[in-house]
Structure formats: C-alpha cells, structure tokens
C-alpha atoms as a PDB file:
ATOM      1  CA  MET A   1     -54.695  53.157 -32.057  1.00  0.00           C
ATOM      2  CA  CYS A   2     -53.837  50.286 -29.706  1.00  0.00           C
ATOM      3  CA  GLY A   3     -55.397  46.988 -28.737  1.00  0.00           C
ATOM      4  CA  ILE A   4     -56.251  45.836 -25.225  1.00  0.00           C
ATOM      5  CA  VAL A   5     -57.265  42.394 -23.988  1.00  0.00           C
ATOM      6  CA  GLY A   6     -58.015  40.953 -20.597  1.00  0.00           C
ATOM      7  CA  LEU A   7     -59.144  37.603 -19.234  1.00  0.00           C
ATOM      8  CA  HIS A   8     -60.329  36.840 -15.705  1.00  0.00           C
ATOM      9  CA  LEU A   9     -60.862  33.121 -15.100  1.00  0.00           C
ATOM     10  CA  ARG A  10     -63.641  32.153 -12.695  1.00  0.00           C
ATOM     11  CA  ASN A  11     -63.194  28.405 -13.182  1.00  0.00           C
ATOM     12  CA  PRO A  12     -59.937  27.043 -11.684  1.00  0.00           C
ATOM     13  CA  GLU A  13     -59.987  24.205 -14.207  1.00  0.00           C
ATOM     14  CA  LEU A  14     -59.101  26.788 -16.869  1.00  0.00           C
ATOM     15  CA  HIS A  15     -56.072  28.180 -15.010  1.00  0.00           C
ATOM     16  CA  PRO A  16     -53.628  25.918 -16.907  1.00  0.00           C
ATOM     17  CA  ARG A  17     -54.923  27.436 -20.165  1.00  0.00           C
ATOM     18  CA  LEU A  18     -54.571  31.127 -19.257  1.00  0.00           C
ATOM     19  CA  GLY A  19     -51.486  31.711 -21.395  1.00  0.00           C
ATOM     20  CA  GLU A  20     -52.855  29.808 -24.367  1.00  0.00           C
ATOM     21  CA  LEU A  21     -56.101  31.792 -24.322  1.00  0.00           C
ATOM     22  CA  LEU A  22     -54.417  35.144 -23.689  1.00  0.00           C
ATOM     23  CA  THR A  23     -51.973  34.526 -26.542  1.00  0.00           C
ATOM     24  CA  GLY A  24     -54.833  34.015 -28.984  1.00  0.00           C
ATOM     25  CA  MET A  25     -56.517  37.207 -27.811  1.00  0.00           C
ATOM     26  CA  LEU A  26     -53.302  39.250 -28.021  1.00  0.00           C
ATOM     27  CA  ILE A  27     -52.440  38.092 -31.547  1.00  0.00           C
ATOM     28  CA  GLU A  28     -55.923  39.005 -32.774  1.00  0.00           C
ATOM     29  CA  MET A  29     -55.221  42.599 -31.703  1.00  0.00           C
ATOM     30  CA  GLN A  30     -51.873  42.892 -33.504  1.00  0.00           C
ATOM     31  CA  ASP A  31     -53.513  44.821 -36.371  1.00  0.00           C
ATOM     32  CA  ARG A  32     -54.241  47.581 -33.866  1.00  0.00           C
ATOM     33  CA  GLY A  33     -50.569  47.909 -32.966  1.00  0.00           C
ATOM     34  CA  ASP A  34     -47.592  45.870 -34.122  1.00  0.00           C
ATOM     35  CA  GLU A  35     -44.695  47.942 -32.765  1.00  0.00           C
ATOM     36  CA  SER A  36     -44.575  46.471 -29.267  1.00  0.00           C
ATOM     37  CA  ALA A  37     -46.638  44.385 -26.884  1.00  0.00           C
ATOM     38  CA  GLY A  38     -46.844  43.519 -23.218  1.00  0.00           C
ATOM     39  CA  VAL A  39     -48.729  41.212 -20.907  1.00  0.00           C
ATOM     40  CA  ALA A  40     -49.381  40.891 -17.188  1.00  0.00           C
ATOM     41  CA  VAL A  41     -50.000  37.423 -15.798  1.00  0.00           C
ATOM     42  CA  TYR A  42     -51.366  36.699 -12.321  1.00  0.00           C
ATOM     43  CA  GLY A  43     -50.650  33.418 -10.604  1.00  0.00           C
ATOM     44  CA  ASP A  44     -48.152  31.620 -12.821  1.00  0.00           C
ATOM     45  CA  PRO A  45     -46.226  29.272 -10.474  1.00  0.00           C
ATOM     46  CA  ARG A  46     -42.972  29.586 -12.439  1.00  0.00           C
ATOM     47  CA  TRP A  47     -42.934  33.340 -12.909  1.00  0.00           C
ATOM     48  CA  SER A  48     -44.389  34.274  -9.505  1.00  0.00           C
ATOM     49  CA  PRO A  49     -44.079  31.300  -7.146  1.00  0.00           C
ATOM     50  CA  PRO A  50     -46.102  31.429  -3.918  1.00  0.00           C
ATOM     51  CA  GLY A  51     -44.341  32.953  -0.935  1.00  0.00           C
ATOM     52  CA  HIS A  52     -41.964  35.050  -3.054  1.00  0.00           C
ATOM     53  CA  MET A  53     -41.623  38.649  -4.171  1.00  0.00           C
ATOM     54  CA  THR A  54     -41.435  38.887  -7.956  1.00  0.00           C
ATOM     55  CA  VAL A  55     -39.926  41.759  -9.935  1.00  0.00           C
ATOM     56  CA  SER A  56     -40.013  41.764 -13.741  1.00  0.00           C
ATOM     57  CA  PHE A  57     -37.405  43.820 -15.591  1.00  0.00           C
ATOM     58  CA  VAL A  58     -35.905  44.506 -19.000  1.00  0.00           C
ATOM     59  CA  PRO A  59     -32.098  44.649 -18.512  1.00  0.00           C
ATOM     60  CA  ASP A  60     -31.627  47.367 -21.148  1.00  0.00           C
ATOM     61  CA  ALA A  61     -34.656  49.604 -21.592  1.00  0.00           C
ATOM     62  CA  ALA A  62     -33.354  50.791 -24.988  1.00  0.00           C
ATOM     63  CA  SER A  63     -32.994  47.280 -26.418  1.00  0.00           C
ATOM     64  CA  ARG A  64     -35.160  46.239 -29.351  1.00  0.00           C
ATOM     65  CA  ASP A  65     -34.147  42.555 -29.242  1.00  0.00           C
ATOM     66  CA  LEU A  66     -36.417  39.589 -28.570  1.00  0.00           C
ATOM     67  CA  SER A  67     -33.882  38.265 -26.065  1.00  0.00           C
ATOM     68  CA  SER A  68     -32.491  39.887 -22.943  1.00  0.00           C
ATOM     69  CA  GLY A  69     -28.982  38.843 -24.009  1.00  0.00           C
ATOM     70  CA  ILE A  70     -28.240  37.674 -20.454  1.00  0.00           C
ATOM     71  CA  SER A  71     -28.329  34.080 -19.255  1.00  0.00           C
ATOM     72  CA  GLU A  72     -30.454  33.098 -16.282  1.00  0.00           C
ATOM     73  CA  HIS A  73     -27.291  32.014 -14.427  1.00  0.00           C
ATOM     74  CA  ASP A  74     -25.478  35.318 -14.982  1.00  0.00           C
ATOM     75  CA  ALA A  75     -28.540  37.323 -13.980  1.00  0.00           C
ATOM     76  CA  MET A  76     -29.029  35.231 -10.821  1.00  0.00           C
ATOM     77  CA  THR A  77     -25.376  35.674  -9.872  1.00  0.00           C
ATOM     78  CA  ALA A  78     -25.422  39.433 -10.395  1.00  0.00           C
ATOM     79  CA  LEU A  79     -28.676  39.981  -8.504  1.00  0.00           C
ATOM     80  CA  SER A  80     -27.782  37.673  -5.629  1.00  0.00           C
ATOM     81  CA  GLN A  81     -24.541  39.579  -5.121  1.00  0.00           C
ATOM     82  CA  ALA A  82     -26.271  42.967  -5.306  1.00  0.00           C
ATOM     83  CA  LEU A  83     -29.025  41.911  -2.905  1.00  0.00           C
ATOM     84  CA  GLY A  84     -26.915  39.810  -0.570  1.00  0.00           C
ATOM     85  CA  SER A  85     -29.561  37.098  -0.701  1.00  0.00           C
ATOM     86  CA  PRO A  86     -30.364  34.279  -3.163  1.00  0.00           C
ATOM     87  CA  VAL A  87     -32.436  35.320  -6.173  1.00  0.00           C
ATOM     88  CA  GLU A  88     -33.964  33.074  -8.823  1.00  0.00           C
ATOM     89  CA  VAL A  89     -34.373  34.366 -12.386  1.00  0.00           C
ATOM     90  CA  VAL A  90     -36.570  33.107 -15.225  1.00  0.00           C
ATOM     91  CA  ASP A  91     -35.803  34.124 -18.809  1.00  0.00           C
ATOM     92  CA  ALA A  92     -38.943  35.419 -20.572  1.00  0.00           C
ATOM     93  CA  GLY A  93     -37.503  36.802 -23.799  1.00  0.00           C
ATOM     94  CA  PRO A  94     -36.739  40.523 -23.539  1.00  0.00           C
ATOM     95  CA  THR A  95     -37.889  40.420 -19.912  1.00  0.00           C
ATOM     96  CA  LEU A  96     -36.249  38.691 -16.973  1.00  0.00           C
ATOM     97  CA  VAL A  97     -38.456  37.694 -14.053  1.00  0.00           C
ATOM     98  CA  ALA A  98     -36.669  37.654 -10.698  1.00  0.00           C
ATOM     99  CA  HIS A  99     -38.050  36.342  -7.441  1.00  0.00           C
ATOM    100  CA  GLY A 100     -36.689  36.183  -3.945  1.00  0.00           C
ATOM    101  CA  PRO A 101     -38.051  35.614  -0.433  1.00  0.00           C
ATOM    102  CA  ARG A 102     -41.140  37.701   0.311  1.00  0.00           C
ATOM    103  CA  SER A 103     -39.379  39.063   3.401  1.00  0.00           C
ATOM    104  CA  VAL A 104     -36.821  40.818   1.176  1.00  0.00           C
ATOM    105  CA  GLY A 105     -39.461  43.190  -0.197  1.00  0.00           C
ATOM    106  CA  ALA A 106     -39.992  44.768  -3.592  1.00  0.00           C
ATOM    107  CA  GLY A 107     -37.932  47.888  -2.821  1.00  0.00           C
ATOM    108  CA  ALA A 108     -34.772  45.947  -2.047  1.00  0.00           C
ATOM    109  CA  MET A 109     -35.293  43.760  -5.124  1.00  0.00           C
ATOM    110  CA  ARG A 110     -35.706  46.791  -7.373  1.00  0.00           C
ATOM    111  CA  ASP A 111     -32.609  48.448  -5.886  1.00  0.00           C
ATOM    112  CA  ALA A 112     -30.558  45.291  -6.505  1.00  0.00           C
ATOM    113  CA  ILE A 113     -31.727  45.153 -10.119  1.00  0.00           C
ATOM    114  CA  MET A 114     -30.758  48.776 -10.754  1.00  0.00           C
ATOM    115  CA  THR A 115     -27.365  48.182  -9.109  1.00  0.00           C
ATOM    116  CA  ALA A 116     -26.651  45.137 -11.254  1.00  0.00           C
ATOM    117  CA  PHE A 117     -28.259  46.531 -14.421  1.00  0.00           C
ATOM    118  CA  PRO A 118     -28.158  50.363 -14.401  1.00  0.00           C
ATOM    119  CA  LYS A 119     -29.977  50.607 -17.761  1.00  0.00           C
ATOM    120  CA  ALA A 120     -32.825  48.369 -16.647  1.00  0.00           C
ATOM    121  CA  LEU A 121     -36.532  49.082 -16.829  1.00  0.00           C
ATOM    122  CA  ILE A 122     -38.606  47.769 -13.919  1.00  0.00           C
ATOM    123  CA  ALA A 123     -41.658  46.354 -15.674  1.00  0.00           C
ATOM    124  CA  GLY A 124     -43.698  45.168 -12.684  1.00  0.00           C
ATOM    125  CA  PHE A 125     -43.605  43.811  -9.158  1.00  0.00           C
ATOM    126  CA  GLY A 126     -45.700  42.000  -6.599  1.00  0.00           C
ATOM    127  CA  GLU A 127     -46.334  38.635  -4.998  1.00  0.00           C
ATOM    128  CA  HIS A 128     -48.594  37.286  -7.742  1.00  0.00           C
ATOM    129  CA  LEU A 129     -47.759  39.277 -10.870  1.00  0.00           C
ATOM    130  CA  ALA A 130     -45.297  38.955 -13.751  1.00  0.00           C
ATOM    131  CA  VAL A 131     -45.171  41.707 -16.388  1.00  0.00           C
ATOM    132  CA  LEU A 132     -43.484  41.028 -19.727  1.00  0.00           C
ATOM    133  CA  LYS A 133     -42.646  43.855 -22.150  1.00  0.00           C
ATOM    134  CA  GLY A 134     -40.785  44.207 -25.388  1.00  0.00           C
ATOM    135  CA  VAL A 135     -40.443  45.952 -28.737  1.00  0.00           C
ATOM    136  CA  GLY A 136     -41.438  43.931 -31.781  1.00  0.00           C
ATOM    137  CA  HIS A 137     -44.364  42.165 -33.385  1.00  0.00           C
ATOM    138  CA  PRO A 138     -46.911  40.803 -30.870  1.00  0.00           C
ATOM    139  CA  ARG A 139     -46.803  37.282 -32.327  1.00  0.00           C
ATOM    140  CA  ASP A 140     -42.998  37.159 -32.034  1.00  0.00           C
ATOM    141  CA  LEU A 141     -43.068  38.595 -28.526  1.00  0.00           C
ATOM    142  CA  ALA A 142     -45.689  36.108 -27.304  1.00  0.00           C
ATOM    143  CA  GLU A 143     -43.408  33.292 -28.487  1.00  0.00           C
ATOM    144  CA  ALA A 144     -40.323  34.904 -26.927  1.00  0.00           C
ATOM    145  CA  TYR A 145     -42.135  35.311 -23.601  1.00  0.00           C
ATOM    146  CA  GLY A 146     -43.272  31.700 -23.624  1.00  0.00           C
ATOM    147  CA  LEU A 147     -46.761  33.079 -23.056  1.00  0.00           C
ATOM    148  CA  PRO A 148     -48.757  30.107 -24.420  1.00  0.00           C
ATOM    149  CA  LYS A 149     -47.483  27.941 -21.538  1.00  0.00           C
ATOM    150  CA  ALA A 150     -48.376  30.414 -18.784  1.00  0.00           C
ATOM    151  CA  GLN A 151     -50.872  29.520 -16.074  1.00  0.00           C
ATOM    152  CA  GLY A 152     -52.877  31.588 -13.615  1.00  0.00           C
ATOM    153  CA  TRP A 153     -56.228  33.164 -12.894  1.00  0.00           C
ATOM    154  CA  GLN A 154     -55.928  36.490 -14.715  1.00  0.00           C
ATOM    155  CA  GLY A 155     -54.105  38.090 -17.620  1.00  0.00           C
ATOM    156  CA  VAL A 156     -53.989  41.481 -19.312  1.00  0.00           C
ATOM    157  CA  GLY A 157     -52.387  42.346 -22.643  1.00  0.00           C
ATOM    158  CA  HIS A 158     -51.717  45.302 -24.940  1.00  0.00           C
ATOM    159  CA  THR A 159     -50.558  45.856 -28.506  1.00  0.00           C
ATOM    160  CA  ARG A 160     -49.208  49.321 -29.161  1.00  0.00           C
ATOM    161  CA  MET A 161     -49.236  51.824 -31.988  1.00  0.00           C
ATOM    162  CA  ALA A 162     -47.273  54.738 -30.536  1.00  0.00           C
ATOM    163  CA  THR A 163     -48.697  58.240 -30.909  1.00  0.00           C
ATOM    164  CA  GLU A 164     -47.049  60.405 -28.241  1.00  0.00           C
ATOM    165  CA  SER A 165     -43.849  58.700 -27.064  1.00  0.00           C
ATOM    166  CA  ALA A 166     -40.994  56.584 -28.383  1.00  0.00           C
ATOM    167  CA  VAL A 167     -41.240  52.930 -29.345  1.00  0.00           C
ATOM    168  CA  VAL A 168     -39.080  51.575 -26.529  1.00  0.00           C
ATOM    169  CA  ALA A 169     -39.700  49.173 -23.670  1.00  0.00           C
ATOM    170  CA  GLY A 170     -40.459  52.098 -21.366  1.00  0.00           C
ATOM    171  CA  GLY A 171     -43.419  53.044 -23.537  1.00  0.00           C
ATOM    172  CA  CYS A 172     -44.933  49.556 -23.553  1.00  0.00           C
ATOM    173  CA  HIS A 173     -48.018  48.665 -21.585  1.00  0.00           C
ATOM    174  CA  PRO A 174     -49.055  47.303 -19.099  1.00  0.00           C
ATOM    175  CA  TYR A 175     -47.939  49.923 -16.613  1.00  0.00           C
ATOM    176  CA  THR A 176     -47.356  48.569 -13.132  1.00  0.00           C
ATOM    177  CA  VAL A 177     -46.493  51.221 -10.559  1.00  0.00           C
ATOM    178  CA  GLY A 178     -48.122  49.689  -7.486  1.00  0.00           C
ATOM    179  CA  PRO A 179     -47.750  46.162  -6.096  1.00  0.00           C
ATOM    180  CA  ASP A 180     -49.680  43.593  -8.137  1.00  0.00           C
ATOM    181  CA  GLN A 181     -51.409  46.420 -10.021  1.00  0.00           C
ATOM    182  CA  CYS A 182     -51.465  47.087 -13.747  1.00  0.00           C
ATOM    183  CA  LEU A 183     -53.193  49.326 -16.277  1.00  0.00           C
ATOM    184  CA  VAL A 184     -53.542  49.178 -20.065  1.00  0.00           C
ATOM    185  CA  HIS A 185     -54.946  51.985 -22.145  1.00  0.00           C
ATOM    186  CA  ASN A 186     -56.292  52.572 -25.639  1.00  0.00           C
ATOM    187  CA  GLY A 187     -56.643  56.265 -26.388  1.00  0.00           C
ATOM    188  CA  ALA A 188     -55.157  59.469 -25.028  1.00  0.00           C
ATOM    189  CA  PHE A 189     -55.286  61.611 -21.897  1.00  0.00           C
ATOM    190  CA  HIS A 190     -55.202  65.197 -23.174  1.00  0.00           C
ATOM    191  CA  ASN A 191     -54.444  66.829 -19.815  1.00  0.00           C
ATOM    192  CA  PHE A 192     -51.915  64.294 -18.560  1.00  0.00           C
ATOM    193  CA  ALA A 193     -49.150  66.930 -18.191  1.00  0.00           C
ATOM    194  CA  SER A 194     -51.079  68.932 -15.595  1.00  0.00           C
ATOM    195  CA  VAL A 195     -52.048  65.758 -13.689  1.00  0.00           C
ATOM    196  CA  ARG A 196     -48.422  64.637 -13.794  1.00  0.00           C
ATOM    197  CA  ARG A 197     -47.303  67.960 -12.272  1.00  0.00           C
ATOM    198  CA  HIS A 198     -49.693  67.459  -9.381  1.00  0.00           C
ATOM    199  CA  LEU A 199     -48.490  63.911  -8.800  1.00  0.00           C
ATOM    200  CA  ARG A 200     -44.849  65.040  -8.919  1.00  0.00           C
ATOM    201  CA  GLU A 201     -45.648  67.535  -6.173  1.00  0.00           C
ATOM    202  CA  LYS A 202     -46.656  64.500  -4.071  1.00  0.00           C
ATOM    203  CA  GLY A 203     -43.196  62.983  -4.620  1.00  0.00           C
ATOM    204  CA  ILE A 204     -43.985  60.583  -7.473  1.00  0.00           C
ATOM    205  CA  THR A 205     -41.217  59.962 -10.028  1.00  0.00           C
ATOM    206  CA  PHE A 206     -42.065  59.177 -13.645  1.00  0.00           C
ATOM    207  CA  TYR A 207     -39.923  56.958 -15.859  1.00  0.00           C
ATOM    208  CA  SER A 208     -41.441  57.625 -19.288  1.00  0.00           C
ATOM    209  CA  GLN A 209     -43.185  60.340 -21.279  1.00  0.00           C
ATOM    210  CA  ASN A 210     -46.204  58.115 -21.807  1.00  0.00           C
ATOM    211  CA  ASP A 211     -49.593  59.489 -20.760  1.00  0.00           C
ATOM    212  CA  THR A 212     -50.612  55.998 -19.658  1.00  0.00           C
ATOM    213  CA  GLU A 213     -48.015  56.053 -16.892  1.00  0.00           C
ATOM    214  CA  VAL A 214     -49.747  59.141 -15.484  1.00  0.00           C
ATOM    215  CA  GLY A 215     -53.051  57.279 -15.386  1.00  0.00           C
ATOM    216  CA  ALA A 216     -51.411  54.293 -13.710  1.00  0.00           C
ATOM    217  CA  TRP A 217     -49.824  56.482 -11.027  1.00  0.00           C
ATOM    218  CA  PHE A 218     -53.119  58.308 -10.457  1.00  0.00           C
ATOM    219  CA  VAL A 219     -54.938  55.024  -9.800  1.00  0.00           C
ATOM    220  CA  ALA A 220     -52.091  53.649  -7.667  1.00  0.00           C
ATOM    221  CA  ASP A 221     -52.032  56.842  -5.597  1.00  0.00           C
ATOM    222  CA  ARG A 222     -55.759  56.560  -4.900  1.00  0.00           C
ATOM    223  CA  LEU A 223     -55.503  52.871  -4.011  1.00  0.00           C
ATOM    224  CA  ALA A 224     -52.622  53.680  -1.635  1.00  0.00           C
ATOM    225  CA  GLU A 225     -54.929  56.186   0.082  1.00  0.00           C
ATOM    226  CA  GLY A 226     -57.416  53.399   0.752  1.00  0.00           C
ATOM    227  CA  TYR A 227     -59.851  53.823  -2.155  1.00  0.00           C
ATOM    228  CA  ASP A 228     -61.320  50.741  -3.767  1.00  0.00           C
ATOM    229  CA  ILE A 229     -60.830  50.309  -7.512  1.00  0.00           C
ATOM    230  CA  GLU A 230     -64.277  51.627  -8.430  1.00  0.00           C
ATOM    231  CA  THR A 231     -63.880  54.834  -6.419  1.00  0.00           C
ATOM    232  CA  ALA A 232     -60.378  55.370  -7.831  1.00  0.00           C
ATOM    233  CA  LEU A 233     -61.705  55.053 -11.377  1.00  0.00           C
ATOM    234  CA  LYS A 234     -64.598  57.432 -10.656  1.00  0.00           C
ATOM    235  CA  GLU A 235     -62.017  60.045  -9.660  1.00  0.00           C
ATOM    236  CA  LEU A 236     -60.034  59.297 -12.809  1.00  0.00           C
ATOM    237  CA  LEU A 237     -63.133  59.981 -14.913  1.00  0.00           C
ATOM    238  CA  ASP A 238     -63.561  63.328 -13.158  1.00  0.00           C
ATOM    239  CA  THR A 239     -59.883  64.254 -13.522  1.00  0.00           C
ATOM    240  CA  PHE A 240     -58.729  63.167 -16.991  1.00  0.00           C
ATOM    241  CA  ASP A 241     -59.861  64.624 -20.314  1.00  0.00           C
ATOM    242  CA  GLY A 242     -59.630  62.621 -23.525  1.00  0.00           C
ATOM    243  CA  GLY A 243     -60.940  59.587 -25.312  1.00  0.00           C
ATOM    244  CA  TYR A 244     -59.976  56.258 -23.800  1.00  0.00           C
ATOM    245  CA  THR A 245     -60.790  52.745 -22.735  1.00  0.00           C
ATOM    246  CA  LEU A 246     -58.954  51.506 -19.638  1.00  0.00           C
ATOM    247  CA  LEU A 247     -58.497  48.047 -18.200  1.00  0.00           C
ATOM    248  CA  VAL A 248     -57.186  48.051 -14.629  1.00  0.00           C
ATOM    249  CA  SER A 249     -56.338  44.986 -12.563  1.00  0.00           C
ATOM    250  CA  ASN A 250     -54.887  43.939  -9.258  1.00  0.00           C
ATOM    251  CA  THR A 251     -54.818  40.702  -7.288  1.00  0.00           C
ATOM    252  CA  GLU A 252     -58.450  40.956  -6.237  1.00  0.00           C
ATOM    253  CA  SER A 253     -60.165  42.814  -9.089  1.00  0.00           C
ATOM    254  CA  PHE A 254     -60.495  43.412 -12.798  1.00  0.00           C
ATOM    255  CA  ALA A 255     -62.172  46.617 -14.042  1.00  0.00           C
ATOM    256  CA  VAL A 256     -63.048  48.396 -17.310  1.00  0.00           C
ATOM    257  CA  VAL A 257     -64.043  52.010 -17.912  1.00  0.00           C
ATOM    258  CA  ARG A 258     -64.560  54.238 -20.966  1.00  0.00           C
ATOM    259  CA  ASP A 259     -64.617  58.014 -21.354  1.00  0.00           C
ATOM    260  CA  ALA A 260     -67.788  60.134 -21.476  1.00  0.00           C
ATOM    261  CA  ILE A 261     -68.412  59.677 -25.210  1.00  0.00           C
ATOM    262  CA  ALA A 262     -66.985  56.137 -25.479  1.00  0.00           C
ATOM    263  CA  LEU A 263     -64.587  57.227 -28.208  1.00  0.00           C
ATOM    264  CA  LYS A 264     -62.499  54.042 -28.196  1.00  0.00           C
ATOM    265  CA  PRO A 265     -63.969  50.610 -28.933  1.00  0.00           C
ATOM    266  CA  ALA A 266     -64.458  47.898 -26.352  1.00  0.00           C
ATOM    267  CA  VAL A 267     -66.485  44.735 -25.898  1.00  0.00           C
ATOM    268  CA  ILE A 268     -67.102  42.626 -22.783  1.00  0.00           C
ATOM    269  CA  ALA A 269     -68.061  38.963 -22.634  1.00  0.00           C
ATOM    270  CA  GLU A 270     -69.273  37.306 -19.421  1.00  0.00           C
ATOM    271  CA  HIS A 271     -69.456  33.542 -19.020  1.00  0.00           C
ATOM    272  CA  PRO A 272     -69.879  31.422 -15.859  1.00  0.00           C
ATOM    273  CA  ASP A 273     -66.249  30.301 -16.334  1.00  0.00           C
ATOM    274  CA  TRP A 274     -64.653  33.652 -17.207  1.00  0.00           C
ATOM    275  CA  VAL A 275     -64.917  37.371 -17.928  1.00  0.00           C
ATOM    276  CA  ALA A 276     -63.111  38.836 -20.930  1.00  0.00           C
ATOM    277  CA  VAL A 277     -62.629  42.263 -22.483  1.00  0.00           C
ATOM    278  CA  ALA A 278     -61.054  43.326 -25.755  1.00  0.00           C
ATOM    279  CA  SER A 279     -60.938  46.253 -28.135  1.00  0.00           C
ATOM    280  CA  GLU A 280     -62.714  44.133 -30.752  1.00  0.00           C
ATOM    281  CA  TYR A 281     -64.959  41.081 -30.657  1.00  0.00           C
ATOM    282  CA  ARG A 282     -62.658  39.009 -32.871  1.00  0.00           C
ATOM    283  CA  ALA A 283     -60.237  38.694 -29.942  1.00  0.00           C
ATOM    284  CA  LEU A 284     -62.918  36.807 -27.997  1.00  0.00           C
ATOM    285  CA  VAL A 285     -64.217  34.304 -30.524  1.00  0.00           C
ATOM    286  CA  GLN A 286     -61.790  31.506 -29.583  1.00  0.00           C
ATOM    287  CA  LEU A 287     -62.692  31.528 -25.876  1.00  0.00           C
ATOM    288  CA  PRO A 288     -64.344  28.312 -24.635  1.00  0.00           C
ATOM    289  CA  GLY A 289     -68.104  28.685 -24.472  1.00  0.00           C
ATOM    290  CA  ILE A 290     -68.204  32.049 -26.255  1.00  0.00           C
ATOM    291  CA  ASP A 291     -71.526  31.130 -27.898  1.00  0.00           C
ATOM    292  CA  ASP A 292     -73.099  30.977 -24.432  1.00  0.00           C
ATOM    293  CA  ALA A 293     -71.555  34.214 -23.136  1.00  0.00           C
ATOM    294  CA  LEU A 294     -73.327  37.501 -22.480  1.00  0.00           C
ATOM    295  CA  ILE A 295     -71.688  39.941 -24.878  1.00  0.00           C
ATOM    296  CA  TYR A 296     -72.123  43.702 -24.694  1.00  0.00           C
ATOM    297  CA  GLU A 297     -70.446  47.063 -25.272  1.00  0.00           C
ATOM    298  CA  PRO A 298     -69.559  48.904 -22.038  1.00  0.00           C
ATOM    299  CA  GLU A 299     -71.453  52.159 -21.553  1.00  0.00           C
ATOM    300  CA  PRO A 300     -69.691  55.538 -21.284  1.00  0.00           C
ATOM    301  CA  GLU A 301     -68.432  56.470 -17.794  1.00  0.00           C
ATOM    302  CA  ARG A 302     -69.800  53.302 -16.253  1.00  0.00           C
ATOM    303  CA  ILE A 303     -67.335  51.247 -14.250  1.00  0.00           C
ATOM    304  CA  TYR A 304     -67.481  47.488 -14.723  1.00  0.00           C
ATOM    305  CA  ALA A 305     -65.602  45.566 -12.031  1.00  0.00           C
ATOM    306  CA  TRP A 306     -65.286  41.922 -11.045  1.00  0.00           C
ATOM    307  CA  THR A 307     -63.585  40.425  -8.002  1.00  0.00           C
ATOM    308  CA  ARG A 308     -62.168  37.017  -7.168  1.00  0.00           C
END
C-alpha cells in the first residue's frame, strides 16, 4: 500500500502556493506509507531556475538521514571541478539540487555528480523539474526538503510502504528516467521482470529492483519514440499485468490511469483553478475551492490527461 498525490495548477496566481498545498496533500497520505516519501516539483525558480539544466541527487543512496551531510559550498566546489564549469547547488534535505548552464546538458551533469559522489543516486533531471527523495516519515521529509515554500505549476508526491524492494532512496518514488518526466505508482506490476528483460535488450540500464522503475522506463521509451503520453499509457495498459494506479507527468502534461479492475483507489478533483489526484479524498479537502470542484473516481483503463 502506498499513497500518491498530484496537483496541476491552472491559475498562475496559485503558483506561489504549490509547495504549501502539495505538503498538505502528501502528509494526509502518510498513513498509506510512512517509510519514505518523494516529490517532484515543476517550475520552482530556486530549484530549477529558467535557462538552466537541473539534476537532483542523493549523495549517498544508502543513507537514511534527513540531511545530505554535505554543505552547499562543498558540493558546488566538487561538482564544478568535476564538470569544469560553474555549478550551483541547493540543499533540500537528503537531496541536493544542482543546476548549471543549459548548454552543459543533463548527461555531463550526471557524469560530474557520479565522479564527485560515486555512491550517489540521480533522482531526476530536466530544465523545469526538481525531484526530492528520502527515507523517513513523510512529515519530517517535507520539512527537510523545505517543500512548503516551493513554487511552480505542478507537483507530484508519493508515500511508500515497501512490498518488493528495500527501503532505500533508490526505491523511493517519483521515478524520473527521462527529461522532465516522472511517474508514481500505487500497486504492483506482476510481469515487470519480463518487461525489464525486453527493455534491457534495447540498452536500458536499471538502478533499482523496484517494479515502478520498469514502468517509468517503459513510458520514457515510448515518449522517446515520439508517442504522446496517452498513447504511451495505452501501450502500458496492454503490456503490464497487475493492480495499479499511475500518475505520470512531464512539462506539458499530467495523466492518471488505473488497471482493468481498478484494484487500487484513486480520486480526481477538477476545478477551474486546478486539477488534483490522490489515493484518497482526504488528501484533497484542504485545496482552495474544493466545495466547487467536480469530484469523481477514475474509471478502469481510461486515461485522464490534462495539458498546460
């Protein structure tokens, strides 16, 4: 059992409140998983400043601390030396968020991080996205991240109760394997091992034993081939067995899908100012204007998608 939350803001006047609202939603789902938690935030000017490439990372993937244990200055020095170009670093609790000139590229940034911090976990990358992960109670992690102060147009969160892989940063959601893309998952993919074999044959490398990473790579692979998010998720429905609710996002879209028998809970709320999804309704009650929102349970195998 895990908890998922997502918030897509249609009204720019609410962008300064993204972190505040997402924090409230995440904490309401802590009863569904209190071992670890992660969030993805789109558009925060401090974590992912315009014109830069941002890479989020946990310096030691095996750490269970609420702090990275590394100062911003030391991390900036180490990464700048490894990259040969200036890098800025923001401390977000267990996660460090590094950004450099867009021209440097995500690949070079990731290589520099792994050179400077060989035990690191790359949590996410892109021009608009910061991904924060850690082991611990969701309320404590939200505070360590500084999540309530975050801004932006979109956020996704996950609270985890591990069932098939270790409670470490590498098992935390969201999974980000493509630029500015992320996926969170409540449930299980029963045939993930066979899908993973096929993806490995295409040259994809996996960094955890988590079935969710397989789903994330499947979607990213389809998007890289030119599919839109709805077509990619239709193929996922045809390919993966199991009971699950998925929330998938990128810079331009925000999408929800459930398995054929809708085994895992989910609720959607649509308001002129925002769209929100959560595993349970109680995560939505504090959203502004919730009494005026259209609230419904997503149907099995139907893809719900919204774009900016």
